[in-house]
Amino acid sequence: MSNKIVVFLAGVFSGLVMMGAVVWFSLPSLMIAEYESSMGFDDTIEAINRTAADRGWLNPKTYDIQKSLQKAGYPDMTKLRIMSLCQPDHAYTILKDDDNKVVSAMMPCRFGIYETADGNVSITGLNIGLMSKMFGGQIAEVMGAVEREQSEILSGIIKN
């Protein structure tokens, strides 16, 4: 009888280890969404700004990472910008509640736009849909709307 318990516990432990490994190795690719732009670098930046603004989103800051790194002594850095986008209604709905302010570390929404060595332009961002499921409640509801709006913003920009 005790041999069966040992085998059972070993199976449970092995299953947990394998599940942990699957989660550990697949989580990064699930948490980050990456898209190839159908446009050049500058046109991609402009199109994101325009379509976001058309939907009531603000761009409080665009970071020129290429310029910053070149200034720091890395002249071979390729084009890379990080765009911070904010939809004020969504932000306020989450942040007006002190208990929800913990997610402010992930706000505003950010897109990384970069040009690869072979000249392709990619857009990356957090997988907001997946992230929203982790929080539940009002945060999940608002983040679900954010995911839909971000998809609309990118729909005419990314390759299908």
N, C-alpha and C. Protein backbone atom coordinates (compact mmCIF):
# COMPACT_ATOMS: atom_id res chain seq x y z
N MET A 1 0.82 -1.20 0.00
CA MET A 1 0.00 0.00 0.00
C MET A 1 0.86 1.26 0.00
N SER A 2 1.90 1.29 0.81
CA SER A 2 2.75 2.47 0.86
C SER A 2 3.53 2.65 -0.43
N ASN A 3 3.81 1.57 -1.16
CA ASN A 3 4.50 1.65 -2.45
C ASN A 3 3.61 2.39 -3.46
N LYS A 4 2.31 2.12 -3.42
CA LYS A 4 1.38 2.81 -4.31
C LYS A 4 1.32 4.31 -4.01
N ILE A 5 1.40 4.67 -2.76
CA ILE A 5 1.38 6.08 -2.35
C ILE A 5 2.64 6.78 -2.85
N VAL A 6 3.79 6.11 -2.71
CA VAL A 6 5.05 6.67 -3.18
C VAL A 6 5.01 6.88 -4.69
N VAL A 7 4.50 5.91 -5.43
CA VAL A 7 4.39 6.02 -6.88
C VAL A 7 3.43 7.16 -7.25
N PHE A 8 2.32 7.22 -6.54
CA PHE A 8 1.35 8.29 -6.79
C PHE A 8 1.98 9.66 -6.54
N LEU A 9 2.64 9.84 -5.40
CA LEU A 9 3.26 11.12 -5.07
C LEU A 9 4.38 11.47 -6.05
N ALA A 10 5.13 10.46 -6.48
CA ALA A 10 6.18 10.70 -7.49
C ALA A 10 5.55 11.16 -8.80
N GLY A 11 4.43 10.58 -9.17
CA GLY A 11 3.73 10.99 -10.39
C GLY A 11 3.20 12.41 -10.28
N VAL A 12 2.62 12.75 -9.13
CA VAL A 12 2.12 14.11 -8.92
C VAL A 12 3.28 15.10 -8.98
N PHE A 13 4.37 14.78 -8.30
CA PHE A 13 5.54 15.66 -8.30
C PHE A 13 6.10 15.83 -9.71
N SER A 14 6.23 14.74 -10.44
CA SER A 14 6.75 14.80 -11.82
C SER A 14 5.83 15.64 -12.69
N GLY A 15 4.52 15.47 -12.54
CA GLY A 15 3.56 16.26 -13.29
C GLY A 15 3.68 17.74 -12.99
N LEU A 16 3.86 18.08 -11.73
CA LEU A 16 4.02 19.48 -11.34
C LEU A 16 5.30 20.08 -11.92
N VAL A 17 6.38 19.31 -11.89
CA VAL A 17 7.65 19.78 -12.45
C VAL A 17 7.51 20.00 -13.95
N MET A 18 6.89 19.05 -14.65
CA MET A 18 6.71 19.20 -16.10
C MET A 18 5.81 20.38 -16.42
N MET A 19 4.74 20.54 -15.67
CA MET A 19 3.84 21.67 -15.89
C MET A 19 4.56 22.99 -15.63
N GLY A 20 5.36 23.03 -14.58
CA GLY A 20 6.14 24.22 -14.28
C GLY A 20 7.10 24.55 -15.41
N ALA A 21 7.74 23.53 -15.98
CA ALA A 21 8.68 23.74 -17.09
C ALA A 21 7.95 24.28 -18.32
N VAL A 22 6.78 23.72 -18.61
CA VAL A 22 6.00 24.19 -19.76
C VAL A 22 5.63 25.66 -19.56
N VAL A 23 5.15 26.00 -18.39
CA VAL A 23 4.76 27.39 -18.11
C VAL A 23 5.99 28.29 -18.18
N TRP A 24 7.10 27.89 -17.57
CA TRP A 24 8.31 28.70 -17.53
C TRP A 24 8.82 29.01 -18.94
N PHE A 25 8.82 28.02 -19.82
CA PHE A 25 9.37 28.21 -21.16
C PHE A 25 8.37 28.83 -22.14
N SER A 26 7.09 28.68 -21.91
CA SER A 26 6.11 29.24 -22.85
C SER A 26 5.61 30.62 -22.44
N LEU A 27 5.73 30.96 -21.17
CA LEU A 27 5.18 32.23 -20.68
C LEU A 27 5.74 33.46 -21.41
N PRO A 28 7.05 33.55 -21.63
CA PRO A 28 7.54 34.76 -22.32
C PRO A 28 6.89 34.97 -23.69
N SER A 29 6.72 33.91 -24.46
CA SER A 29 6.13 34.07 -25.78
C SER A 29 4.63 34.36 -25.69
N LEU A 30 4.00 33.99 -24.60
CA LEU A 30 2.58 34.29 -24.43
C LEU A 30 2.35 35.71 -23.93
N MET A 31 3.29 36.24 -23.16
CA MET A 31 3.11 37.54 -22.52
C MET A 31 3.40 38.71 -23.47
N ILE A 32 4.20 38.46 -24.49
CA ILE A 32 4.57 39.51 -25.43
C ILE A 32 3.97 39.20 -26.79
N ALA A 33 3.24 40.15 -27.33
CA ALA A 33 2.69 40.01 -28.69
C ALA A 33 3.64 40.73 -29.64
N GLU A 34 3.93 40.10 -30.77
CA GLU A 34 4.82 40.71 -31.76
C GLU A 34 4.15 40.64 -33.12
N TYR A 35 4.21 41.75 -33.84
CA TYR A 35 3.59 41.85 -35.16
C TYR A 35 4.59 42.45 -36.13
N GLU A 36 4.49 42.06 -37.39
CA GLU A 36 5.31 42.69 -38.42
C GLU A 36 4.49 43.81 -39.05
N SER A 37 5.09 44.98 -39.15
CA SER A 37 4.41 46.12 -39.76
C SER A 37 4.40 45.98 -41.27
N SER A 38 3.35 46.50 -41.88
CA SER A 38 3.27 46.53 -43.34
C SER A 38 3.88 47.81 -43.90
N MET A 39 4.44 48.64 -43.01
CA MET A 39 4.97 49.95 -43.39
C MET A 39 6.43 50.06 -42.98
N GLY A 40 7.03 51.15 -43.42
CA GLY A 40 8.38 51.48 -42.97
C GLY A 40 8.34 51.97 -41.54
N PHE A 41 9.51 52.19 -40.98
CA PHE A 41 9.63 52.57 -39.56
C PHE A 41 8.89 53.86 -39.25
N ASP A 42 9.25 54.95 -39.93
CA ASP A 42 8.63 56.24 -39.63
C ASP A 42 7.13 56.24 -39.92
N ASP A 43 6.73 55.58 -40.98
CA ASP A 43 5.30 55.49 -41.31
C ASP A 43 4.54 54.69 -40.26
N THR A 44 5.17 53.68 -39.69
CA THR A 44 4.54 52.89 -38.62
C THR A 44 4.29 53.76 -37.40
N ILE A 45 5.30 54.52 -37.00
CA ILE A 45 5.16 55.43 -35.85
C ILE A 45 4.02 56.43 -36.11
N GLU A 46 4.03 57.03 -37.28
CA GLU A 46 3.01 58.02 -37.63
C GLU A 46 1.61 57.40 -37.65
N ALA A 47 1.49 56.20 -38.22
CA ALA A 47 0.18 55.55 -38.31
C ALA A 47 -0.35 55.17 -36.94
N ILE A 48 0.51 54.69 -36.06
CA ILE A 48 0.06 54.37 -34.70
C ILE A 48 -0.42 55.63 -34.00
N ASN A 49 0.36 56.70 -34.09
CA ASN A 49 -0.05 57.97 -33.47
C ASN A 49 -1.39 58.45 -34.01
N ARG A 50 -1.54 58.41 -35.32
CA ARG A 50 -2.77 58.91 -35.96
C ARG A 50 -3.99 58.06 -35.58
N THR A 51 -3.87 56.74 -35.73
CA THR A 51 -5.04 55.89 -35.44
C THR A 51 -5.37 55.87 -33.96
N ALA A 52 -4.35 55.97 -33.11
CA ALA A 52 -4.62 56.05 -31.67
C ALA A 52 -5.35 57.34 -31.34
N ALA A 53 -4.87 58.46 -31.87
CA ALA A 53 -5.51 59.75 -31.61
C ALA A 53 -6.95 59.78 -32.12
N ASP A 54 -7.18 59.15 -33.27
CA ASP A 54 -8.53 59.08 -33.83
C ASP A 54 -9.49 58.35 -32.90
N ARG A 55 -8.97 57.50 -32.04
CA ARG A 55 -9.80 56.73 -31.11
C ARG A 55 -9.76 57.28 -29.69
N GLY A 56 -9.23 58.49 -29.54
CA GLY A 56 -9.23 59.15 -28.23
C GLY A 56 -8.06 58.77 -27.33
N TRP A 57 -7.05 58.17 -27.90
CA TRP A 57 -5.86 57.82 -27.13
C TRP A 57 -4.85 58.95 -27.20
N LEU A 58 -4.05 59.10 -26.15
CA LEU A 58 -2.99 60.10 -26.10
C LEU A 58 -1.64 59.40 -26.21
N ASN A 59 -0.65 60.13 -26.70
CA ASN A 59 0.72 59.63 -26.70
C ASN A 59 1.55 60.60 -25.87
N PRO A 60 1.57 60.41 -24.53
CA PRO A 60 2.30 61.36 -23.70
C PRO A 60 3.82 61.32 -23.91
N LYS A 61 4.33 60.21 -24.43
CA LYS A 61 5.80 60.13 -24.58
C LYS A 61 6.17 59.05 -25.57
N THR A 62 7.12 59.38 -26.43
CA THR A 62 7.77 58.38 -27.28
C THR A 62 9.25 58.45 -26.97
N TYR A 63 9.80 57.33 -26.57
CA TYR A 63 11.21 57.24 -26.22
C TYR A 63 12.01 56.82 -27.44
N ASP A 64 13.04 57.57 -27.77
CA ASP A 64 13.92 57.23 -28.88
C ASP A 64 15.09 56.45 -28.29
N ILE A 65 14.93 55.15 -28.20
CA ILE A 65 15.94 54.29 -27.58
C ILE A 65 17.21 54.25 -28.42
N GLN A 66 17.06 54.27 -29.74
CA GLN A 66 18.23 54.29 -30.63
C GLN A 66 19.10 55.50 -30.29
N LYS A 67 18.48 56.66 -30.23
CA LYS A 67 19.22 57.90 -29.95
C LYS A 67 19.89 57.85 -28.57
N SER A 68 19.15 57.36 -27.59
CA SER A 68 19.71 57.28 -26.23
C SER A 68 20.92 56.36 -26.17
N LEU A 69 20.82 55.21 -26.83
CA LEU A 69 21.94 54.27 -26.80
C LEU A 69 23.12 54.75 -27.64
N GLN A 70 22.83 55.40 -28.76
CA GLN A 70 23.92 55.96 -29.55
C GLN A 70 24.65 57.05 -28.77
N LYS A 71 23.89 57.86 -28.06
CA LYS A 71 24.48 58.90 -27.22
C LYS A 71 25.34 58.31 -26.10
N ALA A 72 24.97 57.11 -25.66
CA ALA A 72 25.71 56.43 -24.59
C ALA A 72 26.91 55.64 -25.13
N GLY A 73 27.16 55.74 -26.45
CA GLY A 73 28.35 55.10 -26.99
C GLY A 73 28.11 53.82 -27.77
N TYR A 74 26.89 53.56 -28.18
CA TYR A 74 26.56 52.36 -28.95
C TYR A 74 26.06 52.78 -30.34
N PRO A 75 27.00 53.15 -31.23
CA PRO A 75 26.61 53.73 -32.52
C PRO A 75 25.90 52.77 -33.47
N ASP A 76 26.00 51.47 -33.23
CA ASP A 76 25.39 50.50 -34.15
C ASP A 76 23.94 50.15 -33.81
N MET A 77 23.36 50.85 -32.84
CA MET A 77 21.98 50.55 -32.45
C MET A 77 21.04 50.90 -33.60
N THR A 78 20.16 49.96 -33.93
CA THR A 78 19.18 50.18 -34.99
C THR A 78 18.00 51.00 -34.47
N LYS A 79 17.11 51.39 -35.37
CA LYS A 79 15.95 52.21 -35.00
C LYS A 79 15.07 51.47 -34.01
N LEU A 80 14.74 52.14 -32.92
CA LEU A 80 13.88 51.56 -31.90
C LEU A 80 13.23 52.68 -31.11
N ARG A 81 11.91 52.67 -31.08
CA ARG A 81 11.14 53.63 -30.28
C ARG A 81 10.21 52.86 -29.36
N ILE A 82 9.94 53.44 -28.22
CA ILE A 82 8.91 52.92 -27.33
C ILE A 82 7.86 54.01 -27.20
N MET A 83 6.65 53.67 -27.61
CA MET A 83 5.55 54.62 -27.57
C MET A 83 4.67 54.31 -26.35
N SER A 84 4.45 55.32 -25.54
CA SER A 84 3.52 55.19 -24.41
C SER A 84 2.18 55.75 -24.86
N LEU A 85 1.16 54.92 -24.79
CA LEU A 85 -0.18 55.34 -25.19
C LEU A 85 -1.13 55.24 -24.01
N CYS A 86 -2.02 56.22 -23.90
CA CYS A 86 -2.96 56.27 -22.78
C CYS A 86 -4.34 56.62 -23.30
N GLN A 87 -5.32 55.85 -22.87
CA GLN A 87 -6.71 56.19 -23.14
C GLN A 87 -7.25 56.70 -21.81
N PRO A 88 -7.44 58.01 -21.67
CA PRO A 88 -7.77 58.60 -20.36
C PRO A 88 -8.98 57.99 -19.67
N ASP A 89 -10.05 57.67 -20.40
CA ASP A 89 -11.24 57.09 -19.77
C ASP A 89 -10.91 55.75 -19.12
N HIS A 90 -10.18 54.92 -19.85
CA HIS A 90 -9.80 53.61 -19.30
C HIS A 90 -8.86 53.77 -18.10
N ALA A 91 -7.88 54.66 -18.26
CA ALA A 91 -6.92 54.87 -17.17
C ALA A 91 -7.64 55.34 -15.90
N TYR A 92 -8.53 56.30 -16.04
CA TYR A 92 -9.24 56.82 -14.88
C TYR A 92 -10.12 55.74 -14.24
N THR A 93 -10.79 54.96 -15.05
CA THR A 93 -11.67 53.92 -14.52
C THR A 93 -10.89 52.95 -13.63
N ILE A 94 -9.68 52.64 -14.01
CA ILE A 94 -8.85 51.75 -13.19
C ILE A 94 -8.25 52.51 -12.01
N LEU A 95 -7.64 53.64 -12.26
CA LEU A 95 -6.80 54.31 -11.26
C LEU A 95 -7.56 55.12 -10.21
N LYS A 96 -8.86 55.33 -10.40
CA LYS A 96 -9.60 56.09 -9.39
C LYS A 96 -9.75 55.28 -8.10
N ASP A 97 -9.62 53.98 -8.18
CA ASP A 97 -9.73 53.10 -7.02
C ASP A 97 -8.32 52.80 -6.49
N ASP A 98 -8.05 53.19 -5.25
CA ASP A 98 -6.72 52.98 -4.68
C ASP A 98 -6.25 51.53 -4.76
N ASP A 99 -7.16 50.58 -4.63
CA ASP A 99 -6.78 49.18 -4.68
C ASP A 99 -6.27 48.77 -6.06
N ASN A 100 -6.68 49.48 -7.09
CA ASN A 100 -6.26 49.16 -8.46
C ASN A 100 -4.96 49.85 -8.87
N LYS A 101 -4.50 50.80 -8.10
CA LYS A 101 -3.32 51.57 -8.49
C LYS A 101 -2.06 50.73 -8.58
N VAL A 102 -2.10 49.53 -8.07
CA VAL A 102 -0.95 48.64 -8.16
C VAL A 102 -0.59 48.35 -9.62
N VAL A 103 -1.58 48.38 -10.52
CA VAL A 103 -1.30 48.10 -11.93
C VAL A 103 -0.73 49.32 -12.66
N SER A 104 -0.58 50.43 -11.96
CA SER A 104 -0.03 51.62 -12.62
C SER A 104 1.39 51.38 -13.12
N ALA A 105 2.07 50.39 -12.58
CA ALA A 105 3.42 50.05 -13.06
C ALA A 105 3.39 49.57 -14.51
N MET A 106 2.24 49.11 -14.97
CA MET A 106 2.10 48.63 -16.35
C MET A 106 1.46 49.69 -17.25
N MET A 107 1.28 50.88 -16.74
CA MET A 107 0.59 51.91 -17.50
C MET A 107 1.55 53.05 -17.79
N PRO A 108 1.37 53.81 -18.83
CA PRO A 108 0.39 53.57 -19.88
C PRO A 108 0.80 52.38 -20.74
N CYS A 109 -0.07 52.02 -21.65
CA CYS A 109 0.21 50.92 -22.58
C CYS A 109 1.41 51.33 -23.43
N ARG A 110 2.26 50.37 -23.71
CA ARG A 110 3.45 50.67 -24.50
C ARG A 110 3.56 49.74 -25.70
N PHE A 111 4.02 50.33 -26.78
CA PHE A 111 4.40 49.56 -27.97
C PHE A 111 5.88 49.81 -28.22
N GLY A 112 6.61 48.75 -28.49
CA GLY A 112 7.97 48.88 -28.98
C GLY A 112 7.92 48.76 -30.49
N ILE A 113 8.55 49.69 -31.18
CA ILE A 113 8.61 49.64 -32.64
C ILE A 113 10.08 49.63 -32.99
N TYR A 114 10.50 48.63 -33.75
CA TYR A 114 11.92 48.55 -34.09
C TYR A 114 12.13 48.03 -35.50
N GLU A 115 13.27 48.41 -36.04
CA GLU A 115 13.68 47.95 -37.35
C GLU A 115 14.77 46.90 -37.16
N THR A 116 14.58 45.76 -37.78
CA THR A 116 15.56 44.68 -37.67
C THR A 116 16.72 44.94 -38.63
N ALA A 117 17.78 44.16 -38.47
CA ALA A 117 18.97 44.32 -39.31
C ALA A 117 18.65 44.14 -40.79
N ASP A 118 17.63 43.33 -41.09
CA ASP A 118 17.27 43.11 -42.50
C ASP A 118 16.22 44.11 -43.01
N GLY A 119 15.91 45.13 -42.21
CA GLY A 119 15.03 46.20 -42.66
C GLY A 119 13.55 46.02 -42.36
N ASN A 120 13.16 44.90 -41.76
CA ASN A 120 11.76 44.71 -41.40
C ASN A 120 11.43 45.54 -40.17
N VAL A 121 10.17 45.92 -40.05
CA VAL A 121 9.72 46.71 -38.90
C VAL A 121 8.75 45.86 -38.10
N SER A 122 9.00 45.78 -36.79
CA SER A 122 8.15 45.00 -35.90
C SER A 122 7.56 45.91 -34.83
N ILE A 123 6.40 45.48 -34.35
CA ILE A 123 5.69 46.16 -33.26
C ILE A 123 5.48 45.12 -32.17
N THR A 124 5.86 45.46 -30.95
CA THR A 124 5.65 44.55 -29.83
C THR A 124 4.89 45.26 -28.72
N GLY A 125 4.24 44.46 -27.91
CA GLY A 125 3.53 44.99 -26.75
C GLY A 125 3.12 43.84 -25.84
N LEU A 126 2.71 44.20 -24.65
CA LEU A 126 2.21 43.17 -23.73
C LEU A 126 0.93 42.57 -24.29
N ASN A 127 0.74 41.31 -24.03
CA ASN A 127 -0.50 40.63 -24.40
C ASN A 127 -1.54 41.02 -23.34
N ILE A 128 -2.18 42.15 -23.57
CA ILE A 128 -3.12 42.71 -22.60
C ILE A 128 -4.28 41.77 -22.33
N GLY A 129 -4.73 41.04 -23.34
CA GLY A 129 -5.84 40.10 -23.15
C GLY A 129 -5.48 39.03 -22.13
N LEU A 130 -4.30 38.46 -22.25
CA LEU A 130 -3.86 37.45 -21.29
C LEU A 130 -3.64 38.07 -19.91
N MET A 131 -3.02 39.23 -19.89
CA MET A 131 -2.77 39.90 -18.61
C MET A 131 -4.08 40.20 -17.88
N SER A 132 -5.10 40.60 -18.64
CA SER A 132 -6.37 40.98 -18.02
C SER A 132 -6.99 39.82 -17.25
N LYS A 133 -6.81 38.61 -17.75
CA LYS A 133 -7.40 37.44 -17.10
C LYS A 133 -6.78 37.17 -15.73
N MET A 134 -5.57 37.65 -15.52
CA MET A 134 -4.89 37.42 -14.24
C MET A 134 -5.44 38.29 -13.12
N PHE A 135 -6.06 39.42 -13.48
CA PHE A 135 -6.50 40.36 -12.46
C PHE A 135 -7.96 40.20 -12.08
N GLY A 136 -8.81 39.94 -13.04
CA GLY A 136 -10.23 39.82 -12.75
C GLY A 136 -10.85 41.17 -12.45
N GLY A 137 -12.15 41.15 -12.20
CA GLY A 137 -12.89 42.34 -11.80
C GLY A 137 -12.82 43.48 -12.80
N GLN A 138 -12.82 44.68 -12.27
CA GLN A 138 -12.85 45.89 -13.09
C GLN A 138 -11.59 46.02 -13.94
N ILE A 139 -10.44 45.63 -13.40
CA ILE A 139 -9.20 45.69 -14.16
C ILE A 139 -9.31 44.81 -15.40
N ALA A 140 -9.80 43.60 -15.24
CA ALA A 140 -9.95 42.68 -16.37
C ALA A 140 -10.93 43.25 -17.40
N GLU A 141 -12.00 43.84 -16.93
CA GLU A 141 -13.00 44.40 -17.85
C GLU A 141 -12.39 45.53 -18.68
N VAL A 142 -11.70 46.45 -18.03
CA VAL A 142 -11.11 47.58 -18.74
C VAL A 142 -9.98 47.10 -19.65
N MET A 143 -9.15 46.20 -19.15
CA MET A 143 -8.03 45.71 -19.97
C MET A 143 -8.54 44.93 -21.19
N GLY A 144 -9.69 44.28 -21.07
CA GLY A 144 -10.30 43.62 -22.21
C GLY A 144 -10.68 44.63 -23.28
N ALA A 145 -11.23 45.77 -22.86
CA ALA A 145 -11.56 46.84 -23.80
C ALA A 145 -10.29 47.43 -24.42
N VAL A 146 -9.25 47.56 -23.61
CA VAL A 146 -7.97 48.06 -24.11
C VAL A 146 -7.43 47.13 -25.19
N GLU A 147 -7.51 45.84 -24.96
CA GLU A 147 -7.03 44.87 -25.95
C GLU A 147 -7.78 45.04 -27.28
N ARG A 148 -9.08 45.17 -27.22
CA ARG A 148 -9.86 45.34 -28.45
C ARG A 148 -9.47 46.63 -29.17
N GLU A 149 -9.31 47.71 -28.43
CA GLU A 149 -8.95 48.99 -29.05
C GLU A 149 -7.54 48.97 -29.61
N GLN A 150 -6.61 48.31 -28.91
CA GLN A 150 -5.26 48.21 -29.44
C GLN A 150 -5.26 47.41 -30.75
N SER A 151 -6.07 46.37 -30.81
CA SER A 151 -6.17 45.58 -32.04
C SER A 151 -6.70 46.45 -33.18
N GLU A 152 -7.67 47.32 -32.87
CA GLU A 152 -8.20 48.22 -33.90
C GLU A 152 -7.13 49.21 -34.35
N ILE A 153 -6.36 49.72 -33.41
CA ILE A 153 -5.30 50.68 -33.73
C ILE A 153 -4.30 50.04 -34.68
N LEU A 154 -3.94 48.79 -34.42
CA LEU A 154 -2.92 48.11 -35.23
C LEU A 154 -3.46 47.45 -36.49
N SER A 155 -4.77 47.32 -36.62
CA SER A 155 -5.33 46.51 -37.69
C SER A 155 -4.91 46.94 -39.09
N GLY A 156 -4.80 48.20 -39.37
CA GLY A 156 -4.40 48.63 -40.69
C GLY A 156 -2.90 48.81 -40.86
N ILE A 157 -2.17 48.48 -39.81
CA ILE A 157 -0.73 48.70 -39.81
C ILE A 157 0.05 47.39 -39.93
N ILE A 158 -0.43 46.36 -39.26
CA ILE A 158 0.32 45.11 -39.25
C ILE A 158 -0.03 44.23 -40.45
N LYS A 159 0.92 43.37 -40.80
CA LYS A 159 0.67 42.41 -41.88
C LYS A 159 -0.25 41.33 -41.36
N ASN A 160 -1.14 40.87 -42.20
CA ASN A 160 -2.08 39.80 -41.79
C ASN A 160 -1.49 38.45 -41.98
